[in-house]
Amino acid sequence: MPDTLGDLAVEVRSKNAGPFWVTLELFMRDEAGYALAADEDFLDEDVVARLYGVPAEGVQIFRIPSLNVVKISFPRPVSQGGLRDRDVHAGQHHVPLAALVPPASTGSR
């Protein structure tokens, strides 16, 4: 079975970035994993938009090679604590991102 971003990371997490934004963070184990996660041909604003049902124009991706970290922020579809908010702390938003399989993943960990 191929490795997912979650398999290749030390940690994948999500959190509130205020009542109107969500932030996702990929802390990759090494430079090779970071290279997969940071590859703009694999993970870009359009991919995040499809995963989370948000407009690509609102997605911000920050690639930090010195830390092997990719940070993604986007506006919350529903404001924190709103009537339709099902995850007040945005603590479970990381799951779709962690499940992505990079195209170069071999599955041999």
PDB file of N, CA and C in Angstrom:
ATOM      1  N   MET A   1       0.851  -1.182   0.000  1.00  0.00           N
ATOM      2  CA  MET A   1       0.000   0.000   0.000  1.00  0.00           C
ATOM      3  C   MET A   1       0.898   1.248   0.000  1.00  0.00           C
ATOM      4  N   PRO A   2       0.579   2.253  -0.817  1.00  0.00           N
ATOM      5  CA  PRO A   2       1.419   3.455  -0.872  1.00  0.00           C
ATOM      6  C   PRO A   2       1.340   4.266   0.420  1.00  0.00           C
ATOM      7  N   ASP A   3       2.418   4.968   0.683  1.00  0.00           N
ATOM      8  CA  ASP A   3       2.447   5.851   1.843  1.00  0.00           C
ATOM      9  C   ASP A   3       1.594   7.079   1.586  1.00  0.00           C
ATOM     10  N   THR A   4       0.923   7.540   2.620  1.00  0.00           N
ATOM     11  CA  THR A   4       0.172   8.791   2.564  1.00  0.00           C
ATOM     12  C   THR A   4       1.042   9.904   3.138  1.00  0.00           C
ATOM     13  N   LEU A   5       0.598  11.143   2.988  1.00  0.00           N
ATOM     14  CA  LEU A   5       1.330  12.239   3.627  1.00  0.00           C
ATOM     15  C   LEU A   5       1.403  12.020   5.136  1.00  0.00           C
ATOM     16  N   GLY A   6       0.341  11.493   5.714  1.00  0.00           N
ATOM     17  CA  GLY A   6       0.347  11.207   7.149  1.00  0.00           C
ATOM     18  C   GLY A   6       1.394  10.186   7.545  1.00  0.00           C
ATOM     19  N   ASP A   7       1.614   9.189   6.700  1.00  0.00           N
ATOM     20  CA  ASP A   7       2.636   8.173   6.964  1.00  0.00           C
ATOM     21  C   ASP A   7       4.038   8.764   6.891  1.00  0.00           C
ATOM     22  N   LEU A   8       4.226   9.740   6.009  1.00  0.00           N
ATOM     23  CA  LEU A   8       5.541  10.325   5.777  1.00  0.00           C
ATOM     24  C   LEU A   8       5.857  11.481   6.725  1.00  0.00           C
ATOM     25  N   ALA A   9       4.888  11.861   7.542  1.00  0.00           N
ATOM     26  CA  ALA A   9       5.043  13.017   8.427  1.00  0.00           C
ATOM     27  C   ALA A   9       5.278  12.597   9.871  1.00  0.00           C
ATOM     28  N   VAL A  10       5.934  13.465  10.603  1.00  0.00           N
ATOM     29  CA  VAL A  10       6.024  13.303  12.055  1.00  0.00           C
ATOM     30  C   VAL A  10       4.655  13.627  12.642  1.00  0.00           C
ATOM     31  N   GLU A  11       4.044  14.666  12.085  1.00  0.00           N
ATOM     32  CA  GLU A  11       2.734  15.099  12.569  1.00  0.00           C
ATOM     33  C   GLU A  11       2.019  15.849  11.458  1.00  0.00           C
ATOM     34  N   VAL A  12       0.709  15.629  11.371  1.00  0.00           N
ATOM     35  CA  VAL A  12      -0.170  16.428  10.528  1.00  0.00           C
ATOM     36  C   VAL A  12      -1.248  16.927  11.469  1.00  0.00           C
ATOM     37  N   ARG A  13      -1.432  18.240  11.495  1.00  0.00           N
ATOM     38  CA  ARG A  13      -2.428  18.766  12.441  1.00  0.00           C
ATOM     39  C   ARG A  13      -3.194  19.915  11.816  1.00  0.00           C
ATOM     40  N   SER A  14      -4.318  20.210  12.427  1.00  0.00           N
ATOM     41  CA  SER A  14      -5.134  21.339  12.020  1.00  0.00           C
ATOM     42  C   SER A  14      -5.563  22.085  13.269  1.00  0.00           C
ATOM     43  N   LYS A  15      -5.840  23.377  13.074  1.00  0.00           N
ATOM     44  CA  LYS A  15      -6.240  24.197  14.219  1.00  0.00           C
ATOM     45  C   LYS A  15      -6.900  25.467  13.720  1.00  0.00           C
ATOM     46  N   ASN A  16      -7.566  26.129  14.637  1.00  0.00           N
ATOM     47  CA  ASN A  16      -8.127  27.432  14.328  1.00  0.00           C
ATOM     48  C   ASN A  16      -7.010  28.422  14.103  1.00  0.00           C
ATOM     49  N   ALA A  17      -7.253  29.337  13.192  1.00  0.00           N
ATOM     50  CA  ALA A  17      -6.378  30.493  13.023  1.00  0.00           C
ATOM     51  C   ALA A  17      -7.294  31.706  13.158  1.00  0.00           C
ATOM     52  N   GLY A  18      -8.026  31.740  14.255  1.00  0.00           N
ATOM     53  CA  GLY A  18      -9.059  32.742  14.476  1.00  0.00           C
ATOM     54  C   GLY A  18     -10.413  32.148  14.119  1.00  0.00           C
ATOM     55  N   PRO A  19     -11.491  32.881  14.329  1.00  0.00           N
ATOM     56  CA  PRO A  19     -12.829  32.322  14.102  1.00  0.00           C
ATOM     57  C   PRO A  19     -13.201  32.136  12.637  1.00  0.00           C
ATOM     58  N   PHE A  20     -12.390  32.662  11.724  1.00  0.00           N
ATOM     59  CA  PHE A  20     -12.746  32.610  10.311  1.00  0.00           C
ATOM     60  C   PHE A  20     -11.736  31.874   9.430  1.00  0.00           C
ATOM     61  N   TRP A  21     -10.668  31.333  10.014  1.00  0.00           N
ATOM     62  CA  TRP A  21      -9.621  30.647   9.255  1.00  0.00           C
ATOM     63  C   TRP A  21      -9.259  29.321   9.900  1.00  0.00           C
ATOM     64  N   VAL A  22      -8.824  28.375   9.061  1.00  0.00           N
ATOM     65  CA  VAL A  22      -8.281  27.086   9.498  1.00  0.00           C
ATOM     66  C   VAL A  22      -6.843  27.015   9.005  1.00  0.00           C
ATOM     67  N   THR A  23      -5.963  26.459   9.819  1.00  0.00           N
ATOM     68  CA  THR A  23      -4.582  26.218   9.410  1.00  0.00           C
ATOM     69  C   THR A  23      -4.282  24.730   9.534  1.00  0.00           C
ATOM     70  N   LEU A  24      -3.655  24.187   8.500  1.00  0.00           N
ATOM     71  CA  LEU A  24      -3.192  22.797   8.472  1.00  0.00           C
ATOM     72  C   LEU A  24      -1.677  22.829   8.439  1.00  0.00           C
ATOM     73  N   GLU A  25      -1.035  21.895   9.117  1.00  0.00           N
ATOM     74  CA  GLU A  25       0.425  21.847   9.133  1.00  0.00           C
ATOM     75  C   GLU A  25       0.910  20.426   8.913  1.00  0.00           C
ATOM     76  N   LEU A  26       1.865  20.297   7.986  1.00  0.00           N
ATOM     77  CA  LEU A  26       2.537  19.025   7.714  1.00  0.00           C
ATOM     78  C   LEU A  26       3.968  19.143   8.215  1.00  0.00           C
ATOM     79  N   PHE A  27       4.323  18.390   9.231  1.00  0.00           N
ATOM     80  CA  PHE A  27       5.691  18.341   9.740  1.00  0.00           C
ATOM     81  C   PHE A  27       6.319  17.063   9.200  1.00  0.00           C
ATOM     82  N   MET A  28       7.075  17.189   8.136  1.00  0.00           N
ATOM     83  CA  MET A  28       7.609  16.009   7.462  1.00  0.00           C
ATOM     84  C   MET A  28       8.845  15.464   8.180  1.00  0.00           C
ATOM     85  N   ARG A  29       9.049  14.148   8.108  1.00  0.00           N
ATOM     86  CA  ARG A  29      10.147  13.478   8.809  1.00  0.00           C
ATOM     87  C   ARG A  29      11.527  13.872   8.291  1.00  0.00           C
ATOM     88  N   ASP A  30      11.617  14.087   6.974  1.00  0.00           N
ATOM     89  CA  ASP A  30      12.923  14.341   6.378  1.00  0.00           C
ATOM     90  C   ASP A  30      12.766  15.160   5.105  1.00  0.00           C
ATOM     91  N   GLU A  31      13.894  15.471   4.484  1.00  0.00           N
ATOM     92  CA  GLU A  31      13.876  16.283   3.266  1.00  0.00           C
ATOM     93  C   GLU A  31      13.150  15.589   2.118  1.00  0.00           C
ATOM     94  N   ALA A  32      13.259  14.279   2.031  1.00  0.00           N
ATOM     95  CA  ALA A  32      12.589  13.545   0.957  1.00  0.00           C
ATOM     96  C   ALA A  32      11.066  13.653   1.089  1.00  0.00           C
ATOM     97  N   GLY A  33      10.571  13.478   2.297  1.00  0.00           N
ATOM     98  CA  GLY A  33       9.132  13.628   2.530  1.00  0.00           C
ATOM     99  C   GLY A  33       8.674  15.052   2.292  1.00  0.00           C
ATOM    100  N   TYR A  34       9.497  15.994   2.729  1.00  0.00           N
ATOM    101  CA  TYR A  34       9.174  17.403   2.491  1.00  0.00           C
ATOM    102  C   TYR A  34       9.106  17.694   0.996  1.00  0.00           C
ATOM    103  N   ALA A  35      10.038  17.148   0.229  1.00  0.00           N
ATOM    104  CA  ALA A  35      10.049  17.381  -1.219  1.00  0.00           C
ATOM    105  C   ALA A  35       8.739  16.897  -1.858  1.00  0.00           C
ATOM    106  N   LEU A  36       8.200  15.783  -1.389  1.00  0.00           N
ATOM    107  CA  LEU A  36       6.919  15.297  -1.899  1.00  0.00           C
ATOM    108  C   LEU A  36       5.778  16.225  -1.499  1.00  0.00           C
ATOM    109  N   ALA A  37       5.737  16.594  -0.214  1.00  0.00           N
ATOM    110  CA  ALA A  37       4.648  17.432   0.289  1.00  0.00           C
ATOM    111  C   ALA A  37       4.690  18.843  -0.285  1.00  0.00           C
ATOM    112  N   ALA A  38       5.873  19.342  -0.555  1.00  0.00           N
ATOM    113  CA  ALA A  38       6.028  20.719  -1.033  1.00  0.00           C
ATOM    114  C   ALA A  38       5.941  20.822  -2.552  1.00  0.00           C
ATOM    115  N   ASP A  39       5.844  19.699  -3.243  1.00  0.00           N
ATOM    116  CA  ASP A  39       5.802  19.700  -4.701  1.00  0.00           C
ATOM    117  C   ASP A  39       4.522  20.380  -5.193  1.00  0.00           C
ATOM    118  N   GLU A  40       4.680  21.508  -5.868  1.00  0.00           N
ATOM    119  CA  GLU A  40       3.529  22.281  -6.342  1.00  0.00           C
ATOM    120  C   GLU A  40       2.738  21.553  -7.426  1.00  0.00           C
ATOM    121  N   ASP A  41       3.330  20.562  -8.077  1.00  0.00           N
ATOM    122  CA  ASP A  41       2.595  19.772  -9.046  1.00  0.00           C
ATOM    123  C   ASP A  41       1.692  18.743  -8.362  1.00  0.00           C
ATOM    124  N   PHE A  42       1.943  18.468  -7.091  1.00  0.00           N
ATOM    125  CA  PHE A  42       1.138  17.517  -6.316  1.00  0.00           C
ATOM    126  C   PHE A  42       0.163  18.235  -5.390  1.00  0.00           C
ATOM    127  N   LEU A  43       0.673  19.148  -4.576  1.00  0.00           N
ATOM    128  CA  LEU A  43      -0.148  19.820  -3.569  1.00  0.00           C
ATOM    129  C   LEU A  43      -0.153  21.316  -3.855  1.00  0.00           C
ATOM    130  N   ASP A  44      -1.292  21.789  -4.345  1.00  0.00           N
ATOM    131  CA  ASP A  44      -1.419  23.215  -4.634  1.00  0.00           C
ATOM    132  C   ASP A  44      -2.780  23.707  -4.139  1.00  0.00           C
ATOM    133  N   GLU A  45      -3.086  24.949  -4.429  1.00  0.00           N
ATOM    134  CA  GLU A  45      -4.327  25.565  -3.953  1.00  0.00           C
ATOM    135  C   GLU A  45      -5.567  24.845  -4.485  1.00  0.00           C
ATOM    136  N   ASP A  46      -5.502  24.361  -5.717  1.00  0.00           N
ATOM    137  CA  ASP A  46      -6.652  23.651  -6.286  1.00  0.00           C
ATOM    138  C   ASP A  46      -6.925  22.335  -5.563  1.00  0.00           C
ATOM    139  N   VAL A  47      -5.879  21.622  -5.197  1.00  0.00           N
ATOM    140  CA  VAL A  47      -6.042  20.355  -4.470  1.00  0.00           C
ATOM    141  C   VAL A  47      -6.674  20.620  -3.105  1.00  0.00           C
ATOM    142  N   VAL A  48      -6.172  21.611  -2.395  1.00  0.00           N
ATOM    143  CA  VAL A  48      -6.726  21.958  -1.077  1.00  0.00           C
ATOM    144  C   VAL A  48      -8.180  22.391  -1.224  1.00  0.00           C
ATOM    145  N   ALA A  49      -8.470  23.180  -2.247  1.00  0.00           N
ATOM    146  CA  ALA A  49      -9.839  23.632  -2.480  1.00  0.00           C
ATOM    147  C   ALA A  49     -10.787  22.456  -2.682  1.00  0.00           C
ATOM    148  N   ARG A  50     -10.358  21.461  -3.463  1.00  0.00           N
ATOM    149  CA  ARG A  50     -11.198  20.269  -3.684  1.00  0.00           C
ATOM    150  C   ARG A  50     -11.376  19.462  -2.397  1.00  0.00           C
ATOM    151  N   LEU A  51     -10.297  19.315  -1.629  1.00  0.00           N
ATOM    152  CA  LEU A  51     -10.385  18.535  -0.386  1.00  0.00           C
ATOM    153  C   LEU A  51     -11.340  19.147   0.631  1.00  0.00           C
ATOM    154  N   TYR A  52     -11.351  20.479   0.692  1.00  0.00           N
ATOM    155  CA  TYR A  52     -12.081  21.156   1.762  1.00  0.00           C
ATOM    156  C   TYR A  52     -13.287  21.961   1.300  1.00  0.00           C
ATOM    157  N   GLY A  53     -13.580  21.931   0.013  1.00  0.00           N
ATOM    158  CA  GLY A  53     -14.763  22.617  -0.487  1.00  0.00           C
ATOM    159  C   GLY A  53     -14.710  24.125  -0.303  1.00  0.00           C
ATOM    160  N   VAL A  54     -13.533  24.685  -0.509  1.00  0.00           N
ATOM    161  CA  VAL A  54     -13.352  26.133  -0.382  1.00  0.00           C
ATOM    162  C   VAL A  54     -12.815  26.670  -1.715  1.00  0.00           C
ATOM    163  N   PRO A  55     -12.966  27.967  -1.968  1.00  0.00           N
ATOM    164  CA  PRO A  55     -12.418  28.542  -3.205  1.00  0.00           C
ATOM    165  C   PRO A  55     -10.890  28.532  -3.191  1.00  0.00           C
ATOM    166  N   ALA A  56     -10.297  28.126  -4.301  1.00  0.00           N
ATOM    167  CA  ALA A  56      -8.828  28.064  -4.415  1.00  0.00           C
ATOM    168  C   ALA A  56      -8.200  29.434  -4.191  1.00  0.00           C
ATOM    169  N   GLU A  57      -8.898  30.492  -4.550  1.00  0.00           N
ATOM    170  CA  GLU A  57      -8.357  31.843  -4.402  1.00  0.00           C
ATOM    171  C   GLU A  57      -8.081  32.215  -2.942  1.00  0.00           C
ATOM    172  N   GLY A  58      -8.780  31.564  -2.014  1.00  0.00           N
ATOM    173  CA  GLY A  58      -8.594  31.868  -0.595  1.00  0.00           C
ATOM    174  C   GLY A  58      -7.537  31.021   0.095  1.00  0.00           C
ATOM    175  N   VAL A  59      -7.015  30.011  -0.598  1.00  0.00           N
ATOM    176  CA  VAL A  59      -6.039  29.089  -0.001  1.00  0.00           C
ATOM    177  C   VAL A  59      -4.646  29.718  -0.042  1.00  0.00           C
ATOM    178  N   GLN A  60      -3.964  29.640   1.083  1.00  0.00           N
ATOM    179  CA  GLN A  60      -2.587  30.124   1.175  1.00  0.00           C
ATOM    180  C   GLN A  60      -1.697  28.951   1.596  1.00  0.00           C
ATOM    181  N   ILE A  61      -0.613  28.732   0.851  1.00  0.00           N
ATOM    182  CA  ILE A  61       0.316  27.637   1.165  1.00  0.00           C
ATOM    183  C   ILE A  61       1.688  28.239   1.429  1.00  0.00           C
ATOM    184  N   PHE A  62       2.263  27.860   2.564  1.00  0.00           N
ATOM    185  CA  PHE A  62       3.590  28.332   2.952  1.00  0.00           C
ATOM    186  C   PHE A  62       4.513  27.120   3.036  1.00  0.00           C
ATOM    187  N   ARG A  63       5.552  27.125   2.244  1.00  0.00           N
ATOM    188  CA  ARG A  63       6.525  26.029   2.232  1.00  0.00           C
ATOM    189  C   ARG A  63       7.778  26.498   2.964  1.00  0.00           C
ATOM    190  N   ILE A  64       8.181  25.748   4.003  1.00  0.00           N
ATOM    191  CA  ILE A  64       9.300  26.154   4.848  1.00  0.00           C
ATOM    192  C   ILE A  64      10.351  25.044   4.828  1.00  0.00           C
ATOM    193  N   PRO A  65      11.240  25.062   3.835  1.00  0.00           N
ATOM    194  CA  PRO A  65      12.191  23.955   3.665  1.00  0.00           C
ATOM    195  C   PRO A  65      13.168  23.798   4.827  1.00  0.00           C
ATOM    196  N   SER A  66      13.546  24.866   5.491  1.00  0.00           N
ATOM    197  CA  SER A  66      14.507  24.753   6.592  1.00  0.00           C
ATOM    198  C   SER A  66      13.939  23.954   7.768  1.00  0.00           C
ATOM    199  N   LEU A  67      12.611  23.841   7.834  1.00  0.00           N
ATOM    200  CA  LEU A  67      11.958  23.088   8.911  1.00  0.00           C
ATOM    201  C   LEU A  67      11.257  21.820   8.402  1.00  0.00           C
ATOM    202  N   ASN A  68      11.286  21.574   7.086  1.00  0.00           N
ATOM    203  CA  ASN A  68      10.540  20.469   6.477  1.00  0.00           C
ATOM    204  C   ASN A  68       9.051  20.553   6.800  1.00  0.00           C
ATOM    205  N   VAL A  69       8.513  21.770   6.692  1.00  0.00           N
ATOM    206  CA  VAL A  69       7.117  22.028   7.058  1.00  0.00           C
ATOM    207  C   VAL A  69       6.381  22.674   5.891  1.00  0.00           C
ATOM    208  N   VAL A  70       5.142  22.230   5.683  1.00  0.00           N
ATOM    209  CA  VAL A  70       4.219  22.886   4.775  1.00  0.00           C
ATOM    210  C   VAL A  70       3.025  23.320   5.614  1.00  0.00           C
ATOM    211  N   LYS A  71       2.689  24.599   5.519  1.00  0.00           N
ATOM    212  CA  LYS A  71       1.574  25.172   6.288  1.00  0.00           C
ATOM    213  C   LYS A  71       0.542  25.677   5.288  1.00  0.00           C
ATOM    214  N   ILE A  72      -0.720  25.360   5.529  1.00  0.00           N
ATOM    215  CA  ILE A  72      -1.811  25.723   4.633  1.00  0.00           C
ATOM    216  C   ILE A  72      -2.890  26.425   5.454  1.00  0.00           C
ATOM    217  N   SER A  73      -3.369  27.547   4.951  1.00  0.00           N
ATOM    218  CA  SER A  73      -4.467  28.254   5.608  1.00  0.00           C
ATOM    219  C   SER A  73      -5.552  28.555   4.583  1.00  0.00           C
ATOM    220  N   PHE A  74      -6.797  28.524   5.058  1.00  0.00           N
ATOM    221  CA  PHE A  74      -7.925  28.892   4.203  1.00  0.00           C
ATOM    222  C   PHE A  74      -9.085  29.363   5.074  1.00  0.00           C
ATOM    223  N   PRO A  75      -9.971  30.181   4.499  1.00  0.00           N
ATOM    224  CA  PRO A  75     -11.138  30.638   5.255  1.00  0.00           C
ATOM    225  C   PRO A  75     -12.044  29.464   5.612  1.00  0.00           C
ATOM    226  N   ARG A  76     -12.532  29.487   6.833  1.00  0.00           N
ATOM    227  CA  ARG A  76     -13.489  28.457   7.260  1.00  0.00           C
ATOM    228  C   ARG A  76     -14.773  28.597   6.472  1.00  0.00           C
ATOM    229  N   PRO A  77     -15.337  27.513   5.975  1.00  0.00           N
ATOM    230  CA  PRO A  77     -16.621  27.606   5.269  1.00  0.00           C
ATOM    231  C   PRO A  77     -17.741  28.096   6.189  1.00  0.00           C
ATOM    232  N   VAL A  78     -17.626  27.781   7.475  1.00  0.00           N
ATOM    233  CA  VAL A  78     -18.584  28.217   8.497  1.00  0.00           C
ATOM    234  C   VAL A  78     -17.760  28.802   9.629  1.00  0.00           C
ATOM    235  N   SER A  79     -18.130  29.978  10.110  1.00  0.00           N
ATOM    236  CA  SER A  79     -17.335  30.594  11.173  1.00  0.00           C
ATOM    237  C   SER A  79     -17.377  29.757  12.453  1.00  0.00           C
ATOM    238  N   GLN A  80     -16.304  29.854  13.219  1.00  0.00           N
ATOM    239  CA  GLN A  80     -16.166  29.084  14.459  1.00  0.00           C
ATOM    240  C   GLN A  80     -17.346  29.352  15.379  1.00  0.00           C
ATOM    241  N   GLY A  81     -17.960  28.284  15.844  1.00  0.00           N
ATOM    242  CA  GLY A  81     -19.081  28.391  16.771  1.00  0.00           C
ATOM    243  C   GLY A  81     -20.398  28.713  16.100  1.00  0.00           C
ATOM    244  N   GLY A  82     -20.402  28.818  14.773  1.00  0.00           N
ATOM    245  CA  GLY A  82     -21.638  29.086  14.046  1.00  0.00           C
ATOM    246  C   GLY A  82     -22.580  27.900  14.131  1.00  0.00           C
ATOM    247  N   LEU A  83     -23.806  28.116  13.754  1.00  0.00           N
ATOM    248  CA  LEU A  83     -24.839  27.086  13.857  1.00  0.00           C
ATOM    249  C   LEU A  83     -24.454  25.795  13.135  1.00  0.00           C
ATOM    250  N   ARG A  84     -23.795  25.885  11.981  1.00  0.00           N
ATOM    251  CA  ARG A  84     -23.432  24.695  11.205  1.00  0.00           C
ATOM    252  C   ARG A  84     -22.004  24.230  11.463  1.00  0.00           C
ATOM    253  N   ASP A  85     -21.307  24.822  12.423  1.00  0.00           N
ATOM    254  CA  ASP A  85     -19.923  24.426  12.726  1.00  0.00           C
ATOM    255  C   ASP A  85     -19.925  23.104  13.471  1.00  0.00           C
ATOM    256  N   ARG A  86     -19.256  22.085  12.874  1.00  0.00           N
ATOM    257  CA  ARG A  86     -19.215  20.755  13.487  1.00  0.00           C
ATOM    258  C   ARG A  86     -17.881  20.448  14.132  1.00  0.00           C
ATOM    259  N   ASP A  87     -16.922  21.374  14.054  1.00  0.00           N
ATOM    260  CA  ASP A  87     -15.593  21.165  14.641  1.00  0.00           C
ATOM    261  C   ASP A  87     -15.073  22.526  15.107  1.00  0.00           C
ATOM    262  N   VAL A  88     -15.503  22.939  16.281  1.00  0.00           N
ATOM    263  CA  VAL A  88     -15.220  24.277  16.793  1.00  0.00           C
ATOM    264  C   VAL A  88     -13.725  24.585  16.814  1.00  0.00           C
ATOM    265  N   HIS A  89     -12.905  23.620  17.130  1.00  0.00           N
ATOM    266  CA  HIS A  89     -11.456  23.850  17.234  1.00  0.00           C
ATOM    267  C   HIS A  89     -10.712  23.520  15.940  1.00  0.00           C
ATOM    268  N   ALA A  90     -11.429  23.075  14.914  1.00  0.00           N
ATOM    269  CA  ALA A  90     -10.834  22.671  13.639  1.00  0.00           C
ATOM    270  C   ALA A  90      -9.808  21.553  13.838  1.00  0.00           C
ATOM    271  N   GLY A  91      -9.976  20.774  14.873  1.00  0.00           N
ATOM    272  CA  GLY A  91      -9.019  19.735  15.228  1.00  0.00           C
ATOM    273  C   GLY A  91      -9.046  18.500  14.345  1.00  0.00           C
ATOM    274  N   GLN A  92     -10.091  18.319  13.530  1.00  0.00           N
ATOM    275  CA  GLN A  92     -10.180  17.129  12.683  1.00  0.00           C
ATOM    276  C   GLN A  92     -10.028  17.439  11.190  1.00  0.00           C
ATOM    277  N   HIS A  93      -9.770  18.684  10.860  1.00  0.00           N
ATOM    278  CA  HIS A  93      -9.663  19.077   9.456  1.00  0.00           C
ATOM    279  C   HIS A  93      -8.427  18.488   8.766  1.00  0.00           C
ATOM    280  N   HIS A  94      -7.462  18.015   9.513  1.00  0.00           N
ATOM    281  CA  HIS A  94      -6.229  17.500   8.918  1.00  0.00           C
ATOM    282  C   HIS A  94      -6.406  16.146   8.228  1.00  0.00           C
ATOM    283  N   VAL A  95      -7.455  15.433   8.523  1.00  0.00           N
ATOM    284  CA  VAL A  95      -7.602  14.055   8.059  1.00  0.00           C
ATOM    285  C   VAL A  95      -7.562  13.917   6.529  1.00  0.00           C
ATOM    286  N   PRO A  96      -8.313  14.697   5.743  1.00  0.00           N
ATOM    287  CA  PRO A  96      -8.216  14.539   4.288  1.00  0.00           C
ATOM    288  C   PRO A  96      -6.809  14.813   3.751  1.00  0.00           C
ATOM    289  N   LEU A  97      -6.132  15.802   4.319  1.00  0.00           N
ATOM    290  CA  LEU A  97      -4.765  16.102   3.882  1.00  0.00           C
ATOM    291  C   LEU A  97      -3.826  14.945   4.213  1.00  0.00           C
ATOM    292  N   ALA A  98      -3.936  14.402   5.405  1.00  0.00           N
ATOM    293  CA  ALA A  98      -3.071  13.293   5.825  1.00  0.00           C
ATOM    294  C   ALA A  98      -3.283  12.050   4.959  1.00  0.00           C
ATOM    295  N   ALA A  99      -4.466  11.890   4.386  1.00  0.00           N
ATOM    296  CA  ALA A  99      -4.778  10.705   3.582  1.00  0.00           C
ATOM    297  C   ALA A  99      -4.314  10.802   2.129  1.00  0.00           C
ATOM    298  N   LEU A 100      -3.823  11.958   1.702  1.00  0.00           N
ATOM    299  CA  LEU A 100      -3.356  12.099   0.315  1.00  0.00           C
ATOM    300  C   LEU A 100      -2.138  11.214   0.057  1.00  0.00           C
ATOM    301  N   VAL A 101      -2.093  10.606  -1.107  1.00  0.00           N
ATOM    302  CA  VAL A 101      -0.966   9.762  -1.506  1.00  0.00           C
ATOM    303  C   VAL A 101      -0.141  10.516  -2.542  1.00  0.00           C
ATOM    304  N   PRO A 102       1.105  10.845  -2.220  1.00  0.00           N
ATOM    305  CA  PRO A 102       1.960  11.506  -3.209  1.00  0.00           C
ATOM    306  C   PRO A 102       2.238  10.571  -4.380  1.00  0.00           C
ATOM    307  N   PRO A 103       2.362  11.116  -5.599  1.00  0.00           N
ATOM    308  CA  PRO A 103       2.576  10.259  -6.764  1.00  0.00           C
ATOM    309  C   PRO A 103       3.892   9.489  -6.736  1.00  0.00           C
ATOM    310  N   ALA A 104       4.919   9.982  -6.069  1.00  0.00           N
ATOM    311  CA  ALA A 104       6.212   9.292  -6.031  1.00  0.00           C
ATOM    312  C   ALA A 104       6.329   8.335  -4.844  1.00  0.00           C
ATOM    313  N   SER A 105       5.262   8.196  -4.060  1.00  0.00           N
ATOM    314  CA  SER A 105       5.304   7.331  -2.889  1.00  0.00           C
ATOM    315  C   SER A 105       5.390   5.867  -3.314  1.00  0.00           C
ATOM    316  N   THR A 106       6.309   5.144  -2.710  1.00  0.00           N
ATOM    317  CA  THR A 106       6.533   3.752  -3.104  1.00  0.00           C
ATOM    318  C   THR A 106       5.870   2.747  -2.190  1.00  0.00           C
ATOM    319  N   GLY A 107       5.527   3.173  -0.992  1.00  0.00           N
ATOM    320  CA  GLY A 107       4.920   2.245  -0.055  1.00  0.00           C
ATOM    321  C   GLY A 107       5.920   1.401   0.687  1.00  0.00           C
ATOM    322  N   SER A 108       7.191   1.655   0.542  1.00  0.00           N
ATOM    323  CA  SER A 108       8.213   0.862   1.245  1.00  0.00           C
ATOM    324  C   SER A 108       8.868   1.711   2.324  1.00  0.00           C
ATOM    325  N   ARG A 109       8.286   1.674   3.490  1.00  0.00           N
ATOM    326  CA  ARG A 109       8.778   2.478   4.607  1.00  0.00           C
ATOM    327  C   ARG A 109       9.802   1.737   5.393  1.00  0.00           C
TER     328      ARG A 109
END
